[in-house]
Every structure is written in C-alpha cells, then in structure tokens.
C-alpha cells in the first residue's frame, strides 16, 4: 500500500499526464524463462479488419516481444494469443472532496512538524498561517469500467480440439473516460508490468498516460 501511494504522489507531479488506476489478476503455467516461446496472434471474428484492434494488437505485440516471445506463423507457433476488451455504459457516481484554506494565524518562531500539523516550541510576535478544511464540495460524474483479457493457449492442444490455457490475465480499470482507445494501451502496459507474475495473484497498478494534468482517467 505504501508503494502504491508513493507511486500516485510521484506520477501526480508529472506535467501533461493523467493517471490510470487498474486491478490486474493473473493465472498461468508459463516457465520462468520466456525467451524463444513462439506465438501467433489470432483475432476474433468481430475484431477482424478493425483499425482500433490493429492499434491494440501492436501494443500487445510490443510487450510480448520485449518479454522474450517471438512471433511466427500459425504452422510454427507453439502458442496462440487471444485478447478481448470492452467498456460498459457507465454509472453515475456522487463524490465529495475537501477544500483547504487559511483559517487564521498563530505566533511561533520554532516548531516541529509541517505547516498543516505542528507544535510550537516557543512564542514569537511573528504570525504563522494555519490551514484547515474550510468546506466540502459535492460532485457528480459518470464512471466507466474498462476490461482487458489476454489468453495464451497451447497451439497443439487447440489443433486437437482442446483449450489448454498457459496464461490468463485480466485488467479492470474504472474512471471518467469513455474513450477506450485512450486508456487501453496503458492497460496493456499495466498487464505487462510484472509478467507473467505470480499465478493466482491480484495487484494494483497506477500508470501515467497522456491526458490533462491532474486527472484520473
């Protein structure tokens, strides 16, 4: 949890970017050494010919190749890679956030702590401003849930009419953006942060993506 909070604080300082929060779950039987595993990516029928799918496919390809996989033909491939993705219609979410402002001043020349929480060691005629929560504002927005699934299956078993999954990964993110093309490439990167990862595990990911400063997508 401390590492996740540190990542959020660090990424929030990056100019010209927003943050994408995701939950990543994996189950797999892949070996530790992934180098040389051959694969072929086969789209589902509804994905064929779609320009957006080509973009997502390239994002997955780059990550697989970086991990040591090697793309080849259907005849020579040891594994087949399938992936699917989607976004819901959204739901209304009510939230609130505090407004912090000056509430007065105290006199203190030596203190311990931070300006928002400190203890005076001695008195002084110099005023020191104090900040506290002065009000709470309510906000309404639509929150969308996006899902990415990636399966790597044994090609020989598939050719024999069986499905033998070697890897199954799922990424779920929720936020205010309903533009899947803006967030899915970042979700792919989140999936491959720790690949293949510990089988049966679920982890949190916070990654920067190109967007307006200060937003969670």
C-alpha atoms as a PDB file:
ATOM      1  CA  UNK A   1       0.000   0.000   0.000  1.00  0.00           C
ATOM      2  CA  UNK A   2       2.841   2.407   0.827  1.00  0.00           C
ATOM      3  CA  UNK A   3       4.441   1.731  -2.565  1.00  0.00           C
ATOM      4  CA  UNK A   4       1.136   2.405  -4.336  1.00  0.00           C
ATOM      5  CA  UNK A   5       0.657   5.714  -2.509  1.00  0.00           C
ATOM      6  CA  UNK A   6       4.224   6.725  -3.318  1.00  0.00           C
ATOM      7  CA  UNK A   7       3.620   5.940  -6.987  1.00  0.00           C
ATOM      8  CA  UNK A   8       0.462   8.054  -7.029  1.00  0.00           C
ATOM      9  CA  UNK A   9       2.262  11.024  -5.476  1.00  0.00           C
ATOM     10  CA  UNK A  10       5.178  10.715  -7.885  1.00  0.00           C
ATOM     11  CA  UNK A  11       3.037  10.378 -11.016  1.00  0.00           C
ATOM     12  CA  UNK A  12       0.815  13.260  -9.961  1.00  0.00           C
ATOM     13  CA  UNK A  13       3.816  15.596 -10.292  1.00  0.00           C
ATOM     14  CA  UNK A  14       4.456  14.696 -13.929  1.00  0.00           C
ATOM     15  CA  UNK A  15       3.430  17.508 -16.311  1.00  0.00           C
ATOM     16  CA  UNK A  16       0.907  16.847 -19.070  1.00  0.00           C
ATOM     17  CA  UNK A  17      -0.274  13.448 -17.882  1.00  0.00           C
ATOM     18  CA  UNK A  18      -3.157  11.749 -16.112  1.00  0.00           C
ATOM     19  CA  UNK A  19      -3.172   8.613 -14.003  1.00  0.00           C
ATOM     20  CA  UNK A  20      -4.837   5.315 -14.800  1.00  0.00           C
ATOM     21  CA  UNK A  21      -5.657   3.001 -11.911  1.00  0.00           C
ATOM     22  CA  UNK A  22      -6.069  -0.702 -12.702  1.00  0.00           C
ATOM     23  CA  UNK A  23      -6.516  -4.051 -10.988  1.00  0.00           C
ATOM     24  CA  UNK A  24      -4.540  -6.888 -12.598  1.00  0.00           C
ATOM     25  CA  UNK A  25      -5.299 -10.582 -11.973  1.00  0.00           C
ATOM     26  CA  UNK A  26      -3.316 -13.467 -13.496  1.00  0.00           C
ATOM     27  CA  UNK A  27      -3.316 -17.264 -13.570  1.00  0.00           C
ATOM     28  CA  UNK A  28      -0.644 -19.054 -15.579  1.00  0.00           C
ATOM     29  CA  UNK A  29       1.577 -22.071 -16.173  1.00  0.00           C
ATOM     30  CA  UNK A  30       4.342 -20.269 -18.042  1.00  0.00           C
ATOM     31  CA  UNK A  31       8.011 -21.060 -17.314  1.00  0.00           C
ATOM     32  CA  UNK A  32      10.326 -18.506 -15.727  1.00  0.00           C
ATOM     33  CA  UNK A  33      12.379 -18.313 -18.922  1.00  0.00           C
ATOM     34  CA  UNK A  34      10.094 -16.919 -21.630  1.00  0.00           C
ATOM     35  CA  UNK A  35      12.787 -16.389 -24.255  1.00  0.00           C
ATOM     36  CA  UNK A  36      12.123 -18.136 -27.524  1.00  0.00           C
ATOM     37  CA  UNK A  37       8.471 -19.036 -26.945  1.00  0.00           C
ATOM     38  CA  UNK A  38       6.845 -18.670 -30.345  1.00  0.00           C
ATOM     39  CA  UNK A  39       3.365 -17.274 -30.788  1.00  0.00           C
ATOM     40  CA  UNK A  40       0.802 -16.124 -33.284  1.00  0.00           C
ATOM     41  CA  UNK A  41      -1.973 -13.638 -32.595  1.00  0.00           C
ATOM     42  CA  UNK A  42      -5.383 -14.571 -33.979  1.00  0.00           C
ATOM     43  CA  UNK A  43      -8.230 -12.024 -33.771  1.00  0.00           C
ATOM     44  CA  UNK A  44     -11.803 -12.977 -33.015  1.00  0.00           C
ATOM     45  CA  UNK A  45     -14.199 -12.641 -35.938  1.00  0.00           C
ATOM     46  CA  UNK A  46     -15.668  -9.344 -34.699  1.00  0.00           C
ATOM     47  CA  UNK A  47     -12.144  -7.876 -34.367  1.00  0.00           C
ATOM     48  CA  UNK A  48     -11.025  -8.623 -37.925  1.00  0.00           C
ATOM     49  CA  UNK A  49     -10.330  -5.549 -40.045  1.00  0.00           C
ATOM     50  CA  UNK A  50     -10.910  -3.016 -37.258  1.00  0.00           C
ATOM     51  CA  UNK A  51      -8.361  -0.190 -37.189  1.00  0.00           C
ATOM     52  CA  UNK A  52      -8.591   0.156 -33.409  1.00  0.00           C
ATOM     53  CA  UNK A  53      -7.897  -3.553 -32.983  1.00  0.00           C
ATOM     54  CA  UNK A  54      -4.713  -3.195 -35.025  1.00  0.00           C
ATOM     55  CA  UNK A  55      -3.569  -0.494 -32.588  1.00  0.00           C
ATOM     56  CA  UNK A  56      -4.283  -2.695 -29.563  1.00  0.00           C
ATOM     57  CA  UNK A  57      -2.689  -5.688 -31.287  1.00  0.00           C
ATOM     58  CA  UNK A  58       0.533  -3.749 -31.835  1.00  0.00           C
ATOM     59  CA  UNK A  59       0.601  -2.705 -28.175  1.00  0.00           C
ATOM     60  CA  UNK A  60       0.336  -6.366 -27.100  1.00  0.00           C
ATOM     61  CA  UNK A  61       2.912  -7.457 -29.676  1.00  0.00           C
ATOM     62  CA  UNK A  62       5.491  -4.964 -28.436  1.00  0.00           C
ATOM     63  CA  UNK A  63       5.089  -6.127 -24.858  1.00  0.00           C
ATOM     64  CA  UNK A  64       5.279  -9.839 -25.718  1.00  0.00           C
ATOM     65  CA  UNK A  65       8.403  -9.349 -27.821  1.00  0.00           C
ATOM     66  CA  UNK A  66      10.032  -7.317 -25.055  1.00  0.00           C
ATOM     67  CA  UNK A  67       9.477 -10.249 -22.668  1.00  0.00           C
ATOM     68  CA  UNK A  68      11.244 -12.704 -24.983  1.00  0.00           C
ATOM     69  CA  UNK A  69       8.360 -14.111 -27.018  1.00  0.00           C
ATOM     70  CA  UNK A  70       8.927 -14.494 -30.764  1.00  0.00           C
ATOM     71  CA  UNK A  71       6.123 -14.012 -33.299  1.00  0.00           C
ATOM     72  CA  UNK A  72       5.961 -16.520 -36.124  1.00  0.00           C
ATOM     73  CA  UNK A  73       3.493 -18.237 -38.453  1.00  0.00           C
ATOM     74  CA  UNK A  74       0.498 -20.348 -37.444  1.00  0.00           C
ATOM     75  CA  UNK A  75       2.280 -23.542 -38.541  1.00  0.00           C
ATOM     76  CA  UNK A  76       5.390 -22.870 -36.469  1.00  0.00           C
ATOM     77  CA  UNK A  77       3.876 -21.233 -33.396  1.00  0.00           C
ATOM     78  CA  UNK A  78       3.883 -23.025 -30.047  1.00  0.00           C
ATOM     79  CA  UNK A  79       1.186 -20.780 -28.626  1.00  0.00           C
ATOM     80  CA  UNK A  80      -1.792 -18.737 -29.788  1.00  0.00           C
ATOM     81  CA  UNK A  81      -2.550 -15.331 -28.256  1.00  0.00           C
ATOM     82  CA  UNK A  82      -6.117 -14.088 -27.982  1.00  0.00           C
ATOM     83  CA  UNK A  83      -7.241 -10.876 -26.340  1.00  0.00           C
ATOM     84  CA  UNK A  84     -10.581  -9.190 -25.811  1.00  0.00           C
ATOM     85  CA  UNK A  85     -11.622  -5.822 -24.427  1.00  0.00           C
ATOM     86  CA  UNK A  86     -14.683  -3.768 -23.679  1.00  0.00           C
ATOM     87  CA  UNK A  87     -16.246  -0.873 -21.799  1.00  0.00           C
ATOM     88  CA  UNK A  88     -19.618  -0.556 -20.067  1.00  0.00           C
ATOM     89  CA  UNK A  89     -22.201   2.212 -20.460  1.00  0.00           C
ATOM     90  CA  UNK A  90     -21.139   3.917 -17.226  1.00  0.00           C
ATOM     91  CA  UNK A  91     -22.823   4.666 -13.928  1.00  0.00           C
ATOM     92  CA  UNK A  92     -23.489   7.884 -12.037  1.00  0.00           C
ATOM     93  CA  UNK A  93     -21.163   8.460  -9.076  1.00  0.00           C
ATOM     94  CA  UNK A  94     -21.504  11.039  -6.297  1.00  0.00           C
ATOM     95  CA  UNK A  95     -18.316  12.088  -4.535  1.00  0.00           C
ATOM     96  CA  UNK A  96     -17.002  14.857  -2.312  1.00  0.00           C
ATOM     97  CA  UNK A  97     -13.630  16.482  -1.773  1.00  0.00           C
ATOM     98  CA  UNK A  98     -12.303  18.874   0.877  1.00  0.00           C
ATOM     99  CA  UNK A  99     -11.290  22.477   0.241  1.00  0.00           C
ATOM    100  CA  UNK A 100      -8.284  23.501   2.344  1.00  0.00           C
ATOM    101  CA  UNK A 101      -7.704  27.167   3.097  1.00  0.00           C
ATOM    102  CA  UNK A 102      -6.319  29.582   5.703  1.00  0.00           C
ATOM    103  CA  UNK A 103      -8.290  29.786   8.930  1.00  0.00           C
ATOM    104  CA  UNK A 104      -6.135  32.207  10.924  1.00  0.00           C
ATOM    105  CA  UNK A 105      -2.613  32.624  12.257  1.00  0.00           C
ATOM    106  CA  UNK A 106      -0.596  31.764  15.313  1.00  0.00           C
ATOM    107  CA  UNK A 107       2.689  33.072  16.638  1.00  0.00           C
ATOM    108  CA  UNK A 108       5.537  30.625  16.536  1.00  0.00           C
ATOM    109  CA  UNK A 109       9.233  31.025  15.800  1.00  0.00           C
ATOM    110  CA  UNK A 110      10.299  27.397  16.310  1.00  0.00           C
ATOM    111  CA  UNK A 111       8.055  24.436  15.519  1.00  0.00           C
ATOM    112  CA  UNK A 112       8.117  20.695  14.907  1.00  0.00           C
ATOM    113  CA  UNK A 113       6.196  19.107  12.031  1.00  0.00           C
ATOM    114  CA  UNK A 114       4.671  20.610   8.911  1.00  0.00           C
ATOM    115  CA  UNK A 115       2.731  23.855   8.427  1.00  0.00           C
ATOM    116  CA  UNK A 116      -0.520  21.860   8.485  1.00  0.00           C
ATOM    117  CA  UNK A 117       0.312  19.993  11.693  1.00  0.00           C
ATOM    118  CA  UNK A 118       2.914  21.369  14.048  1.00  0.00           C
ATOM    119  CA  UNK A 119       3.707  22.072  17.705  1.00  0.00           C
ATOM    120  CA  UNK A 120       5.235  25.368  18.820  1.00  0.00           C
ATOM    121  CA  UNK A 121       8.351  25.282  20.949  1.00  0.00           C
ATOM    122  CA  UNK A 122       8.304  28.950  21.889  1.00  0.00           C
ATOM    123  CA  UNK A 123       6.249  32.079  21.333  1.00  0.00           C
ATOM    124  CA  UNK A 124       7.090  34.888  18.944  1.00  0.00           C
ATOM    125  CA  UNK A 125       5.435  38.002  17.541  1.00  0.00           C
ATOM    126  CA  UNK A 126       5.811  36.549  14.007  1.00  0.00           C
ATOM    127  CA  UNK A 127       2.464  35.216  12.718  1.00  0.00           C
ATOM    128  CA  UNK A 128       2.334  31.798  11.071  1.00  0.00           C
ATOM    129  CA  UNK A 129      -0.748  30.990   8.933  1.00  0.00           C
ATOM    130  CA  UNK A 130      -2.817  27.904   9.732  1.00  0.00           C
ATOM    131  CA  UNK A 131      -4.613  25.861   7.051  1.00  0.00           C
ATOM    132  CA  UNK A 132      -7.597  23.600   7.652  1.00  0.00           C
ATOM    133  CA  UNK A 133     -10.572  22.143   5.773  1.00  0.00           C
ATOM    134  CA  UNK A 134     -12.871  25.121   5.224  1.00  0.00           C
ATOM    135  CA  UNK A 135     -15.594  23.383   3.202  1.00  0.00           C
ATOM    136  CA  UNK A 136     -16.550  20.206   1.370  1.00  0.00           C
ATOM    137  CA  UNK A 137     -17.791  20.249  -2.210  1.00  0.00           C
ATOM    138  CA  UNK A 138     -20.009  17.661  -3.861  1.00  0.00           C
ATOM    139  CA  UNK A 139     -19.511  16.491  -7.441  1.00  0.00           C
ATOM    140  CA  UNK A 140     -21.339  14.180  -9.835  1.00  0.00           C
ATOM    141  CA  UNK A 141     -19.767  12.318 -12.714  1.00  0.00           C
ATOM    142  CA  UNK A 142     -20.149   9.193 -14.813  1.00  0.00           C
ATOM    143  CA  UNK A 143     -17.722   6.373 -14.094  1.00  0.00           C
ATOM    144  CA  UNK A 144     -16.909   3.749 -16.726  1.00  0.00           C
ATOM    145  CA  UNK A 145     -15.451   0.279 -16.229  1.00  0.00           C
ATOM    146  CA  UNK A 146     -12.988  -0.985 -18.853  1.00  0.00           C
ATOM    147  CA  UNK A 147     -11.818  -4.604 -19.128  1.00  0.00           C
ATOM    148  CA  UNK A 148      -8.915  -6.251 -20.976  1.00  0.00           C
ATOM    149  CA  UNK A 149      -8.422 -10.027 -21.121  1.00  0.00           C
ATOM    150  CA  UNK A 150      -5.368 -11.780 -22.542  1.00  0.00           C
ATOM    151  CA  UNK A 151      -5.174 -15.554 -23.062  1.00  0.00           C
ATOM    152  CA  UNK A 152      -2.161 -17.570 -24.227  1.00  0.00           C
ATOM    153  CA  UNK A 153      -3.099 -21.130 -25.173  1.00  0.00           C
ATOM    154  CA  UNK A 154      -1.178 -24.192 -26.305  1.00  0.00           C
ATOM    155  CA  UNK A 155      -1.475 -24.399 -30.094  1.00  0.00           C
ATOM    156  CA  UNK A 156      -1.078 -28.174 -30.359  1.00  0.00           C
ATOM    157  CA  UNK A 157      -3.887 -28.788 -27.890  1.00  0.00           C
ATOM    158  CA  UNK A 158      -6.037 -26.241 -29.723  1.00  0.00           C
ATOM    159  CA  UNK A 159      -5.444 -28.060 -33.010  1.00  0.00           C
ATOM    160  CA  UNK A 160      -6.707 -31.236 -31.325  1.00  0.00           C
ATOM    161  CA  UNK A 161      -9.894 -29.502 -30.215  1.00  0.00           C
ATOM    162  CA  UNK A 162      -8.846 -28.800 -26.636  1.00  0.00           C
ATOM    163  CA  UNK A 163      -8.215 -25.494 -24.869  1.00  0.00           C
ATOM    164  CA  UNK A 164      -5.115 -25.591 -22.689  1.00  0.00           C
ATOM    165  CA  UNK A 165      -4.525 -22.139 -21.238  1.00  0.00           C
ATOM    166  CA  UNK A 166      -0.928 -21.326 -20.383  1.00  0.00           C
ATOM    167  CA  UNK A 167      -1.723 -17.786 -19.293  1.00  0.00           C
ATOM    168  CA  UNK A 168      -4.863 -15.862 -18.422  1.00  0.00           C
ATOM    169  CA  UNK A 169      -4.639 -12.188 -17.485  1.00  0.00           C
ATOM    170  CA  UNK A 170      -7.378  -9.688 -16.717  1.00  0.00           C
ATOM    171  CA  UNK A 171      -7.109  -5.921 -16.254  1.00  0.00           C
ATOM    172  CA  UNK A 172     -10.009  -3.859 -14.902  1.00  0.00           C
ATOM    173  CA  UNK A 173      -9.951  -0.073 -14.617  1.00  0.00           C
ATOM    174  CA  UNK A 174     -12.647   2.419 -13.684  1.00  0.00           C
ATOM    175  CA  UNK A 175     -12.672   6.141 -14.379  1.00  0.00           C
ATOM    176  CA  UNK A 176     -14.289   9.100 -16.067  1.00  0.00           C
ATOM    177  CA  UNK A 177     -13.022   8.429 -19.602  1.00  0.00           C
ATOM    178  CA  UNK A 178     -15.315   6.580 -22.001  1.00  0.00           C
ATOM    179  CA  UNK A 179     -12.654   6.626 -24.737  1.00  0.00           C
ATOM    180  CA  UNK A 180     -11.337   3.054 -24.769  1.00  0.00           C
ATOM    181  CA  UNK A 181      -8.625   3.883 -27.286  1.00  0.00           C
ATOM    182  CA  UNK A 182      -7.130   6.423 -24.843  1.00  0.00           C
ATOM    183  CA  UNK A 183      -6.850   4.020 -21.932  1.00  0.00           C
ATOM    184  CA  UNK A 184      -6.414   0.509 -23.379  1.00  0.00           C
ATOM    185  CA  UNK A 185      -2.733   0.879 -24.410  1.00  0.00           C
ATOM    186  CA  UNK A 186      -1.961   1.915 -20.820  1.00  0.00           C
ATOM    187  CA  UNK A 187      -3.943  -1.074 -19.524  1.00  0.00           C
ATOM    188  CA  UNK A 188      -1.781  -3.319 -21.716  1.00  0.00           C
ATOM    189  CA  UNK A 189       1.339  -1.813 -20.129  1.00  0.00           C
ATOM    190  CA  UNK A 190      -0.150  -2.380 -16.668  1.00  0.00           C
ATOM    191  CA  UNK A 191      -0.682  -6.062 -17.507  1.00  0.00           C
ATOM    192  CA  UNK A 192       2.952  -6.494 -18.516  1.00  0.00           C
ATOM    193  CA  UNK A 193       4.489  -4.559 -15.595  1.00  0.00           C
ATOM    194  CA  UNK A 194       5.134  -7.842 -13.803  1.00  0.00           C
ATOM    195  CA  UNK A 195       4.763 -10.512 -16.460  1.00  0.00           C
ATOM    196  CA  UNK A 196       3.842 -13.290 -16.127  1.00  0.00           C
ATOM    197  CA  UNK A 197       3.683 -12.548 -12.395  1.00  0.00           C
ATOM    198  CA  UNK A 198       2.692 -14.855  -9.569  1.00  0.00           C
ATOM    199  CA  UNK A 199      -0.072 -17.232 -10.607  1.00  0.00           C
ATOM    200  CA  UNK A 200      -3.305 -16.627  -8.728  1.00  0.00           C
ATOM    201  CA  UNK A 201      -2.322 -13.118  -7.674  1.00  0.00           C
ATOM    202  CA  UNK A 202      -4.120  -9.789  -7.972  1.00  0.00           C
ATOM    203  CA  UNK A 203      -2.254  -6.481  -7.856  1.00  0.00           C
ATOM    204  CA  UNK A 204      -2.919  -2.774  -8.235  1.00  0.00           C
ATOM    205  CA  UNK A 205      -1.298  -0.596 -10.872  1.00  0.00           C
ATOM    206  CA  UNK A 206      -1.108   3.189 -11.269  1.00  0.00           C
ATOM    207  CA  UNK A 207       0.376   4.374 -14.536  1.00  0.00           C
ATOM    208  CA  UNK A 208       0.729   7.739 -16.262  1.00  0.00           C
ATOM    209  CA  UNK A 209      -0.993   8.253 -19.597  1.00  0.00           C
ATOM    210  CA  UNK A 210      -1.216  11.196 -21.966  1.00  0.00           C
ATOM    211  CA  UNK A 211      -4.082  13.452 -20.904  1.00  0.00           C
ATOM    212  CA  UNK A 212      -4.837  16.595 -18.942  1.00  0.00           C
ATOM    213  CA  UNK A 213      -2.755  17.178 -15.847  1.00  0.00           C
ATOM    214  CA  UNK A 214      -4.218  16.169 -12.510  1.00  0.00           C
ATOM    215  CA  UNK A 215      -6.967  13.806 -13.686  1.00  0.00           C
ATOM    216  CA  UNK A 216      -7.618  10.152 -13.011  1.00  0.00           C
ATOM    217  CA  UNK A 217      -8.941   8.608 -16.201  1.00  0.00           C
END
